Protein backbone atom coordinates (compact mmCIF):
# COMPACT_ATOMS: atom_id res chain seq x y z
CA UNK A 1 70.14 145.91 156.80
CA UNK A 2 71.88 147.20 153.68
CA UNK A 3 75.01 145.39 152.48
CA UNK A 4 77.42 146.64 149.81
CA UNK A 5 80.33 144.49 148.67
CA UNK A 6 83.03 146.05 146.52
CA UNK A 7 84.67 143.75 143.99
CA UNK A 8 88.35 144.03 142.97
CA UNK A 9 88.91 145.29 139.41
CA UNK A 10 85.22 146.05 138.95
CA UNK A 11 83.57 149.49 138.88
CA UNK A 12 80.33 148.05 140.26
CA UNK A 13 79.46 146.70 143.66
CA UNK A 14 76.95 144.17 144.93
CA UNK A 15 74.09 145.81 146.88
CA UNK A 16 71.29 144.01 148.68
CA UNK A 17 69.20 144.02 151.84
CA UNK A 18 69.52 141.25 154.39
CA UNK A 19 67.38 140.18 157.32
CA UNK A 20 70.53 139.31 159.29
CA UNK A 21 72.02 141.72 161.80
CA UNK A 22 75.22 143.60 161.04
CA UNK A 23 77.11 141.63 163.69
CA UNK A 24 76.05 138.33 162.09
CA UNK A 25 77.14 139.44 158.63
CA UNK A 26 80.39 140.85 159.99
CA UNK A 27 81.24 137.57 161.72
CA UNK A 28 80.40 135.53 158.58
CA UNK A 29 82.66 137.67 156.39
CA UNK A 30 85.47 137.91 158.95
CA UNK A 31 85.44 134.15 159.48
CA UNK A 32 85.59 133.50 155.72
CA UNK A 33 88.48 135.94 155.22
CA UNK A 34 90.47 134.72 158.25
CA UNK A 35 90.04 131.01 157.51
CA UNK A 36 91.26 131.25 153.90
CA UNK A 37 87.87 130.10 152.61
CA UNK A 38 87.40 130.15 148.85
CA UNK A 39 84.12 132.09 148.99
CA UNK A 40 81.63 133.82 151.28
CA UNK A 41 77.90 133.28 150.85
CA UNK A 42 75.11 135.55 152.08
CA UNK A 43 71.33 135.57 151.58
CA UNK A 44 69.26 138.64 150.94
CA UNK A 45 65.86 139.43 152.45
CA UNK A 46 64.08 137.79 149.49
CA UNK A 47 66.03 134.54 149.70
CA UNK A 48 68.57 135.07 146.90
CA UNK A 49 71.99 133.58 147.57
CA UNK A 50 75.10 135.65 146.84
CA UNK A 51 78.39 133.76 146.55
CA UNK A 52 81.49 135.95 146.31
CA UNK A 53 85.07 134.67 146.03
CA UNK A 54 87.04 135.95 149.03
CA UNK A 55 89.95 136.94 146.79
CA UNK A 56 87.63 139.35 144.95
CA UNK A 57 86.34 141.20 148.04
CA UNK A 58 87.70 144.75 148.09
CA UNK A 59 85.48 146.10 150.88
CA UNK A 60 82.20 145.48 152.69
CA UNK A 61 79.84 148.21 153.88
CA UNK A 62 77.24 147.32 156.48
CA UNK A 63 74.48 149.76 157.31
CA UNK A 64 71.26 149.59 159.22
CA UNK A 65 68.13 150.09 157.19
CA UNK A 66 66.71 153.55 157.64
CA UNK A 67 63.00 153.75 158.36
CA UNK A 68 61.10 155.28 155.48
CA UNK A 69 59.29 158.51 156.18
CA UNK A 70 55.86 159.21 154.82
CA UNK A 71 54.82 162.75 153.93
CA UNK A 72 56.77 165.96 153.78
CA UNK A 73 59.84 166.61 155.91
CA UNK A 74 60.32 170.17 157.12
């Protein structure tokens, strides 16, 4: 699943792929934002850990990974 996290006062966003489902990621982020946690941490598909301060989160986009097509598409 593709995850994009927008950061306040930054023109760039954090993009990575995760092995977790969108509902799992949504609950992790919602719990961190609702509980006044200092940060939210997520792992990507390769094992990297992303730690983002909750005060810096502008938005979160969750999307399912699209299967890659091989060959020509008509």
